[in-house]
């Protein structure tokens, strides 16, 4: 809810700066709460950033959205949820480069 509310605040110009601090961030949660057939990793149940991006597209008709994930680990869940959407940009800045447990390339 807080990530979607932040989208509403930004779109409706209630404030020019919006920041959501949520734990867990959810970037490991993929479709159905898991990624690549694995159980949800990193204690992530809901992918807040991906939900907010999709919400912005559906609720407000945003043509393009971007999610920039800055974390120690690759945001494999966000990558899974947004990778087939040509109007969604996802970038992950993380410490470990290579292939994650689910086979999604970092």
Foldseek 3Di string as FASTA:
>chain_A
DQLQVQLVCCVVVVDVDDDDDDPPQQLCQAVVGHALPDHHPPPHRHNSVLVNQVCCCPVVVDQAEEDEAEEQDFSRRSCRHCVVPPRYYYHYHHNDAAADPNRDHD
